[in-house]
Amino acid sequence: MDQESVLSPILSTLYIAPTFYIFEKRTQNFLSSISVSTLSFVDNGLFISQGKSYKKSNANIFCSYSIISSLFEQFGLMIEYNKLEMFYFSRSTKNYNSSPLDLGLLEGPLLQPKDK
């Protein structure tokens, strides 16, 4: 269905809302909880990971992406890799080196952090 259709937001919600619900239930079942929040805006999703280490945040996002991409595949949905973006925000006044997130093992792209 074309995204311009009036039914598109309704159908997106019917498919994506249960997917994110299952995602949240699965991440709660891990012994060491994955510290990631999700937000969804019709057919756009957002993972938020907070922490003191980019390495830990990247690991949380990687695990979350793995789960959500598996769920999307099971439901017959696609992730548009060209729309994936990653941002780092820091309270530090020092320059910091943010590392890219390689989703290649999950057949995804190498995400370079965007400049603020």
Protein backbone atom coordinates (compact mmCIF):
# COMPACT_ATOMS: atom_id res chain seq x y z
CA MET A 1 0.00 0.00 0.00
CA ASP A 2 1.24 3.48 -0.88
CA GLN A 3 2.21 5.72 2.05
CA GLU A 4 0.03 8.46 0.58
CA SER A 5 -3.11 6.38 1.15
CA VAL A 6 -5.46 7.42 3.96
CA LEU A 7 -5.36 3.82 5.21
CA SER A 8 -1.55 3.78 5.51
CA PRO A 9 -1.31 5.25 9.05
CA ILE A 10 -4.06 2.94 10.31
CA LEU A 11 -2.49 -0.19 8.80
CA SER A 12 0.96 0.84 10.04
CA THR A 13 -0.38 1.19 13.57
CA LEU A 14 -2.18 -2.16 13.39
CA TYR A 15 1.08 -3.92 12.47
CA ILE A 16 3.72 -1.90 14.29
CA ALA A 17 2.05 -1.38 17.70
CA PRO A 18 1.85 -5.13 18.47
CA THR A 19 5.44 -5.53 17.23
CA PHE A 20 6.73 -2.94 19.70
CA TYR A 21 4.59 -4.46 22.47
CA ILE A 22 6.16 -7.90 21.85
CA PHE A 23 9.59 -6.25 21.68
CA GLU A 24 9.12 -4.66 25.11
CA LYS A 25 7.93 -7.97 26.61
CA ARG A 26 10.93 -9.84 25.17
CA THR A 27 13.46 -7.32 26.44
CA GLN A 28 11.94 -7.51 29.94
CA ASN A 29 12.60 -11.26 29.98
CA PHE A 30 16.39 -10.92 29.73
CA LEU A 31 18.33 -11.57 32.92
CA SER A 32 20.42 -8.47 32.39
CA SER A 33 17.83 -6.04 31.12
CA ILE A 34 18.46 -4.21 27.89
CA SER A 35 18.25 -0.54 28.74
CA VAL A 36 16.36 0.74 25.70
CA SER A 37 13.15 2.73 25.35
CA THR A 38 11.10 2.84 22.17
CA LEU A 39 8.92 5.48 20.60
CA SER A 40 6.84 5.07 17.48
CA PHE A 41 5.35 7.71 15.21
CA VAL A 42 3.02 6.00 12.71
CA ASP A 43 5.60 4.13 10.60
CA ASN A 44 8.74 5.61 12.19
CA GLY A 45 10.39 4.08 15.23
CA LEU A 46 13.02 5.31 17.64
CA PHE A 47 15.31 3.43 20.04
CA ILE A 48 16.69 5.40 22.97
CA SER A 49 19.58 4.07 25.01
CA GLN A 50 21.08 6.06 27.87
CA GLY A 51 24.31 5.35 29.63
CA LYS A 52 27.81 6.47 30.47
CA SER A 53 29.43 4.38 27.75
CA TYR A 54 28.98 4.49 23.99
CA LYS A 55 30.02 0.84 23.89
CA LYS A 56 27.18 -0.19 26.21
CA SER A 57 24.65 2.00 24.37
CA ASN A 58 25.72 0.50 21.04
CA ALA A 59 25.35 -3.02 22.48
CA ASN A 60 21.84 -2.17 23.74
CA ILE A 61 20.82 -0.75 20.36
CA PHE A 62 22.36 -3.72 18.52
CA CYS A 63 20.39 -6.21 20.64
CA SER A 64 17.21 -4.18 20.25
CA TYR A 65 17.64 -3.95 16.49
CA SER A 66 18.20 -7.70 16.34
CA ILE A 67 14.94 -8.39 18.17
CA ILE A 68 12.84 -5.87 16.28
CA SER A 69 14.19 -6.89 12.85
CA SER A 70 13.39 -10.53 13.66
CA LEU A 71 9.85 -9.56 14.68
CA PHE A 72 9.39 -7.47 11.54
CA GLU A 73 10.53 -10.41 9.41
CA GLN A 74 8.08 -12.74 11.19
CA PHE A 75 5.23 -10.29 10.48
CA GLY A 76 6.30 -9.83 6.84
CA LEU A 77 7.34 -6.21 7.39
CA MET A 78 10.45 -4.46 6.03
CA ILE A 79 12.91 -2.04 7.59
CA GLU A 80 14.05 0.72 5.24
CA TYR A 81 17.80 0.80 5.92
CA ASN A 82 18.29 4.07 4.06
CA LYS A 83 16.14 5.79 6.73
CA LEU A 84 18.19 4.56 9.71
CA GLU A 85 20.06 7.27 11.59
CA MET A 86 22.01 7.41 14.82
CA PHE A 87 22.69 10.33 17.12
CA TYR A 88 24.84 10.63 20.22
CA PHE A 89 24.26 13.31 22.81
CA SER A 90 26.68 14.04 25.63
CA ARG A 91 26.72 16.34 28.62
CA SER A 92 30.49 16.43 28.47
CA THR A 93 32.13 19.67 27.39
CA LYS A 94 35.13 17.70 26.11
CA ASN A 95 35.38 16.36 22.61
CA TYR A 96 34.28 12.76 22.50
CA ASN A 97 34.73 9.98 20.02
CA SER A 98 31.46 8.35 19.17
CA SER A 99 31.79 5.03 17.44
CA PRO A 100 29.72 3.73 14.53
CA LEU A 101 27.21 0.93 15.01
CA ASP A 102 27.74 -2.01 12.68
CA LEU A 103 24.49 -3.84 11.96
CA GLY A 104 26.13 -5.94 9.23
CA LEU A 105 25.73 -9.18 11.17
CA LEU A 106 21.98 -8.54 11.05
CA GLU A 107 22.06 -7.68 7.33
CA GLY A 108 21.82 -4.01 8.22
CA PRO A 109 24.07 -1.03 7.47
CA LEU A 110 27.02 0.54 9.24
CA LEU A 111 25.51 3.53 11.02
CA GLN A 112 27.75 6.55 11.41
CA PRO A 113 26.70 9.00 14.12
CA LYS A 114 25.22 12.22 12.74
CA ASP A 115 26.69 15.60 13.66
CA LYS A 116 24.58 17.61 16.03
